[in-house]
Amino acid sequence: MRKMIFASATIIAAAFCSPAFADDTTLGPNDEVVPVVAPGDMIGVACGPLQVAQKDSDVRVVMTIAAKPGEQSPGYGKVLATDQKVAAGAVRVTVPDLPDISDHTYDLTVYVVGTKGAETCDAGHVKVAQQRLKKSGGDHS
């Protein structure tokens, strides 16, 4: 009986691993997964300069629009994410809730300024999706 269960499990596993079930969208070693967020979401960023930043360092996260050719710009090129918390070699920021921020991809850059000078790091990209739906306050009419 055990051999039959094992044989069945092996056949099923082999069937799902066959090319018919293989996904053609596998990531290569240089591919990047771009997280999709909404205005008001909190995102975390970790990079080298944050790992060695002093406690009193000034940390800023700047979102720069990465508009593709033909894509309409929201009317600004960069946004400073101001609601932030720095801890344990990372910074958590809130995606700003601005007009026309949605449906664009942004490059994230972290600036760390301390007594030893300034350092920057490229923190990847983030795609801001549609505006978050506002929840009503329980109005029952």
Protein backbone atom coordinates (compact mmCIF):
# COMPACT_ATOMS: atom_id res chain seq x y z
CA MET A 1 0.00 0.00 0.00
CA ARG A 2 2.84 2.42 0.86
CA LYS A 3 4.50 1.71 -2.48
CA MET A 4 1.26 2.48 -4.29
CA ILE A 5 0.83 5.83 -2.47
CA PHE A 6 4.47 6.76 -3.11
CA ALA A 7 4.18 5.79 -6.80
CA SER A 8 0.99 7.85 -7.18
CA ALA A 9 2.57 10.87 -5.50
CA THR A 10 5.65 10.58 -7.73
CA ILE A 11 3.55 10.41 -10.90
CA ILE A 12 1.46 13.42 -9.88
CA ALA A 13 4.58 15.43 -8.99
CA ALA A 14 6.23 14.51 -12.31
CA ALA A 15 3.10 15.52 -14.23
CA PHE A 16 2.99 18.99 -12.63
CA CYS A 17 6.70 19.53 -13.22
CA SER A 18 6.45 18.72 -16.91
CA PRO A 19 6.85 21.49 -19.53
CA ALA A 20 3.09 21.70 -20.04
CA PHE A 21 2.78 23.09 -16.51
CA ALA A 22 6.01 25.11 -16.57
CA ASP A 23 5.71 28.89 -16.29
CA ASP A 24 7.53 30.76 -19.06
CA THR A 25 7.88 33.88 -16.90
CA THR A 26 10.72 32.70 -14.67
CA LEU A 27 12.99 35.45 -13.44
CA GLY A 28 16.56 35.69 -14.62
CA PRO A 29 19.46 36.63 -12.34
CA ASN A 30 19.20 40.32 -13.29
CA ASP A 31 15.40 40.62 -13.26
CA GLU A 32 13.73 42.76 -10.62
CA VAL A 33 10.42 42.21 -8.91
CA VAL A 34 8.70 45.59 -8.60
CA PRO A 35 6.31 45.70 -5.65
CA VAL A 36 2.90 47.25 -6.23
CA VAL A 37 1.68 49.55 -3.45
CA ALA A 38 -1.09 52.07 -2.88
CA PRO A 39 -0.94 55.61 -1.50
CA GLY A 40 -0.89 55.39 2.29
CA ASP A 41 0.88 52.01 2.37
CA MET A 42 4.03 51.75 4.47
CA ILE A 43 7.04 50.23 2.70
CA GLY A 44 10.42 49.20 4.09
CA VAL A 45 13.78 49.96 2.52
CA ALA A 46 17.15 48.53 3.57
CA CYS A 47 20.52 49.34 1.99
CA GLY A 48 24.19 49.67 2.82
CA PRO A 49 24.33 53.28 4.10
CA LEU A 50 21.47 52.56 6.51
CA GLN A 51 23.39 49.61 7.97
CA VAL A 52 26.24 51.88 9.09
CA ALA A 53 24.25 55.08 9.74
CA GLN A 54 24.73 56.78 13.06
CA LYS A 55 21.77 57.25 15.36
CA ASP A 56 21.53 61.00 14.68
CA SER A 57 21.88 60.70 10.87
CA ASP A 58 19.41 62.51 8.64
CA VAL A 59 17.68 59.90 6.44
CA ARG A 60 15.55 60.85 3.43
CA VAL A 61 13.74 58.68 0.89
CA VAL A 62 13.05 60.27 -2.48
CA MET A 63 10.68 58.78 -5.05
CA THR A 64 11.64 59.80 -8.61
CA ILE A 65 9.14 59.17 -11.38
CA ALA A 66 10.41 56.60 -13.85
CA ALA A 67 8.17 57.58 -16.76
CA LYS A 68 8.48 55.48 -19.87
CA PRO A 69 8.51 57.21 -23.27
CA GLY A 70 4.98 58.28 -24.12
CA GLU A 71 3.79 57.92 -20.52
CA GLN A 72 2.11 61.02 -19.11
CA SER A 73 3.91 62.64 -16.18
CA PRO A 74 1.92 63.45 -13.03
CA GLY A 75 3.27 67.02 -13.09
CA TYR A 76 6.24 66.49 -10.78
CA GLY A 77 9.52 64.63 -11.05
CA LYS A 78 10.34 63.76 -7.44
CA VAL A 79 8.46 63.23 -4.19
CA LEU A 80 9.96 63.21 -0.69
CA ALA A 81 8.45 60.52 1.51
CA THR A 82 8.16 62.31 4.85
CA ASP A 83 6.36 59.92 7.21
CA GLN A 84 9.27 57.67 8.15
CA LYS A 85 10.67 55.47 10.88
CA VAL A 86 14.37 54.51 10.96
CA ALA A 87 15.39 51.39 12.89
CA ALA A 88 17.78 48.45 12.66
CA GLY A 89 19.46 49.38 9.37
CA ALA A 90 16.24 50.11 7.49
CA VAL A 91 13.75 52.90 6.96
CA ARG A 92 9.97 52.53 6.70
CA VAL A 93 8.14 55.25 4.80
CA THR A 94 4.53 55.89 3.88
CA VAL A 95 3.74 56.20 0.18
CA PRO A 96 2.48 59.78 -0.19
CA ASP A 97 -1.17 60.30 -1.08
CA LEU A 98 -0.86 62.93 -3.82
CA PRO A 99 -3.00 63.73 -6.84
CA ASP A 100 -1.99 61.67 -9.88
CA ILE A 101 0.62 59.62 -7.97
CA SER A 102 -1.09 56.38 -9.00
CA ASP A 103 -0.32 54.29 -12.07
CA HIS A 104 3.35 55.24 -12.17
CA THR A 105 6.61 53.49 -11.34
CA TYR A 106 9.09 55.30 -9.09
CA ASP A 107 12.82 54.87 -8.47
CA LEU A 108 13.61 54.92 -4.74
CA THR A 109 16.77 56.66 -3.55
CA VAL A 110 17.86 56.79 0.09
CA TYR A 111 20.02 59.68 1.29
CA VAL A 112 21.85 59.34 4.60
CA VAL A 113 23.64 62.43 5.97
CA GLY A 114 25.69 62.14 9.14
CA THR A 115 28.78 63.61 10.75
CA LYS A 116 30.96 61.50 8.42
CA GLY A 117 29.35 62.92 5.28
CA ALA A 118 26.58 61.92 2.91
CA GLU A 119 25.86 58.57 1.29
CA THR A 120 23.16 57.47 -1.12
CA CYS A 121 21.83 54.16 -2.31
CA ASP A 122 19.54 52.97 -5.06
CA ALA A 123 16.71 51.16 -3.28
CA GLY A 124 15.01 49.75 -6.37
CA HIS A 125 11.59 50.57 -7.75
CA VAL A 126 8.00 50.63 -6.62
CA LYS A 127 4.79 50.81 -8.66
CA VAL A 128 2.02 52.90 -7.12
CA ALA A 129 -1.36 51.44 -8.04
CA GLN A 130 -4.78 53.04 -7.87
CA GLN A 131 -5.84 55.20 -4.98
CA ARG A 132 -6.96 53.30 -1.93
CA LEU A 133 -10.72 53.27 -1.37
CA LYS A 134 -11.71 55.51 1.52
CA LYS A 135 -13.62 53.61 4.19
CA SER A 136 -16.85 55.18 5.33
CA GLY A 137 -17.38 55.83 9.00
CA GLY A 138 -20.35 53.51 9.42
CA ASP A 139 -23.02 55.78 7.94
CA HIS A 140 -26.18 53.64 7.74
CA SER A 141 -28.94 55.44 5.90
